Amino acid sequence: MRVDKWLSSVNVVKRRTVAQDMVKSGVVFVNGIKAKPSKEVNVGDKITIEYLKGAKSFEVLQIPTTKTIPKSAKEEYVKEL
């Protein structure tokens, strides 16, 4: 699954367009490497987003099979580090 689609699917960001803009701006890193919007995400990858107030890191636990997941199921797909 693409990194921008994964960020929106697991409710890290609200909309996919926001996720695409973040990736294009160069603030999203996958395993320490600056990501492109088409970067594929796999289980076990570490995703870091550098916000103005600091960075947040996430670990990919699962890849969703649907477009979005319920917010109550977020812990099954992503772990905040």
C-alpha atoms as a PDB file:
ATOM      1  CA  MET A   1       0.000   0.000   0.000  1.00  0.00           C
ATOM      2  CA  ARG A   2       1.238   3.504  -0.798  1.00  0.00           C
ATOM      3  CA  VAL A   3       2.463   5.584   2.140  1.00  0.00           C
ATOM      4  CA  ASP A   4      -0.021   8.417   1.532  1.00  0.00           C
ATOM      5  CA  LYS A   5      -2.934   5.982   1.313  1.00  0.00           C
ATOM      6  CA  TRP A   6      -1.780   4.134   4.468  1.00  0.00           C
ATOM      7  CA  LEU A   7      -1.545   7.384   6.480  1.00  0.00           C
ATOM      8  CA  SER A   8      -5.149   8.262   5.669  1.00  0.00           C
ATOM      9  CA  SER A   9      -6.508   4.697   5.935  1.00  0.00           C
ATOM     10  CA  VAL A  10      -5.285   4.159   9.503  1.00  0.00           C
ATOM     11  CA  ASN A  11      -6.429   7.628  10.628  1.00  0.00           C
ATOM     12  CA  VAL A  12      -2.984   9.174  11.171  1.00  0.00           C
ATOM     13  CA  VAL A  13      -4.097  12.108   8.995  1.00  0.00           C
ATOM     14  CA  LYS A  14      -7.682  13.051   8.148  1.00  0.00           C
ATOM     15  CA  ARG A  15      -7.544  13.152   4.348  1.00  0.00           C
ATOM     16  CA  ARG A  16      -5.419  11.524   1.673  1.00  0.00           C
ATOM     17  CA  THR A  17      -4.773  14.865  -0.017  1.00  0.00           C
ATOM     18  CA  VAL A  18      -3.260  16.122   3.253  1.00  0.00           C
ATOM     19  CA  ALA A  19      -1.082  13.004   3.380  1.00  0.00           C
ATOM     20  CA  GLN A  20       0.017  13.555  -0.231  1.00  0.00           C
ATOM     21  CA  ASP A  21       0.935  17.182   0.519  1.00  0.00           C
ATOM     22  CA  MET A  22       2.930  16.114   3.589  1.00  0.00           C
ATOM     23  CA  VAL A  23       4.882  13.549   1.575  1.00  0.00           C
ATOM     24  CA  LYS A  24       5.532  16.026  -1.248  1.00  0.00           C
ATOM     25  CA  SER A  25       6.735  18.602   1.295  1.00  0.00           C
ATOM     26  CA  GLY A  26       9.376  16.145   2.506  1.00  0.00           C
ATOM     27  CA  VAL A  27       8.242  15.752   6.121  1.00  0.00           C
ATOM     28  CA  VAL A  28       7.419  12.010   5.903  1.00  0.00           C
ATOM     29  CA  PHE A  29      10.211   9.459   6.306  1.00  0.00           C
ATOM     30  CA  VAL A  30       9.964   5.671   5.935  1.00  0.00           C
ATOM     31  CA  ASN A  31      12.739   3.825   7.784  1.00  0.00           C
ATOM     32  CA  GLY A  32      14.756   7.066   7.961  1.00  0.00           C
ATOM     33  CA  ILE A  33      14.562   7.789   4.219  1.00  0.00           C
ATOM     34  CA  LYS A  34      12.522  10.672   2.811  1.00  0.00           C
ATOM     35  CA  ALA A  35       9.445   9.129   1.203  1.00  0.00           C
ATOM     36  CA  LYS A  36       7.835   9.763  -2.176  1.00  0.00           C
ATOM     37  CA  PRO A  37       4.013   9.498  -2.483  1.00  0.00           C
ATOM     38  CA  SER A  38       4.319   6.188  -4.335  1.00  0.00           C
ATOM     39  CA  LYS A  39       6.546   4.576  -1.670  1.00  0.00           C
ATOM     40  CA  GLU A  40       5.191   1.150  -0.684  1.00  0.00           C
ATOM     41  CA  VAL A  41       4.676   0.499   3.037  1.00  0.00           C
ATOM     42  CA  ASN A  42       5.209  -2.970   4.513  1.00  0.00           C
ATOM     43  CA  VAL A  43       4.563  -4.500   7.937  1.00  0.00           C
ATOM     44  CA  GLY A  44       7.346  -3.524  10.330  1.00  0.00           C
ATOM     45  CA  ASP A  45       8.239  -0.230   8.612  1.00  0.00           C
ATOM     46  CA  LYS A  46       8.794   2.806  10.808  1.00  0.00           C
ATOM     47  CA  ILE A  47       7.176   6.023   9.567  1.00  0.00           C
ATOM     48  CA  THR A  48       8.247   9.393  10.960  1.00  0.00           C
ATOM     49  CA  ILE A  49       6.365  12.638  10.387  1.00  0.00           C
ATOM     50  CA  GLU A  50       8.209  15.844  11.243  1.00  0.00           C
ATOM     51  CA  TYR A  51       5.680  18.404  12.470  1.00  0.00           C
ATOM     52  CA  LEU A  52       6.628  21.968  13.401  1.00  0.00           C
ATOM     53  CA  LYS A  53       6.322  21.123  17.110  1.00  0.00           C
ATOM     54  CA  GLY A  54       8.341  17.899  16.834  1.00  0.00           C
ATOM     55  CA  ALA A  55       8.426  14.523  15.175  1.00  0.00           C
ATOM     56  CA  LYS A  56       6.023  11.611  15.634  1.00  0.00           C
ATOM     57  CA  SER A  57       6.980   8.051  14.805  1.00  0.00           C
ATOM     58  CA  PHE A  58       4.694   5.158  13.955  1.00  0.00           C
ATOM     59  CA  GLU A  59       5.240   1.459  13.325  1.00  0.00           C
ATOM     60  CA  VAL A  60       3.192  -0.408  10.710  1.00  0.00           C
ATOM     61  CA  LEU A  61       1.553  -3.442  12.353  1.00  0.00           C
ATOM     62  CA  GLN A  62      -0.882  -4.389   9.570  1.00  0.00           C
ATOM     63  CA  ILE A  63      -1.894  -3.234   6.113  1.00  0.00           C
ATOM     64  CA  PRO A  64      -5.649  -2.477   5.928  1.00  0.00           C
ATOM     65  CA  THR A  65      -7.639  -4.277   3.253  1.00  0.00           C
ATOM     66  CA  THR A  66     -10.367  -1.616   3.122  1.00  0.00           C
ATOM     67  CA  LYS A  67     -10.251   2.087   2.292  1.00  0.00           C
ATOM     68  CA  THR A  68     -10.658   3.143   5.918  1.00  0.00           C
ATOM     69  CA  ILE A  69     -10.718   1.416   9.281  1.00  0.00           C
ATOM     70  CA  PRO A  70     -12.778   2.252  12.371  1.00  0.00           C
ATOM     71  CA  LYS A  71     -10.977   4.552  14.786  1.00  0.00           C
ATOM     72  CA  SER A  72     -11.477   1.946  17.509  1.00  0.00           C
ATOM     73  CA  ALA A  73      -9.355  -0.527  15.493  1.00  0.00           C
ATOM     74  CA  LYS A  74      -6.430   1.861  14.967  1.00  0.00           C
ATOM     75  CA  GLU A  75      -4.224   0.062  17.528  1.00  0.00           C
ATOM     76  CA  GLU A  76      -4.338  -3.113  15.409  1.00  0.00           C
ATOM     77  CA  TYR A  77      -2.755  -1.333  12.425  1.00  0.00           C
ATOM     78  CA  VAL A  78      -0.392   1.273  13.862  1.00  0.00           C
ATOM     79  CA  LYS A  79       1.681   1.710  17.012  1.00  0.00           C
ATOM     80  CA  GLU A  80       2.883   5.164  18.013  1.00  0.00           C
ATOM     81  CA  LEU A  81       6.501   5.112  19.132  1.00  0.00           C
END
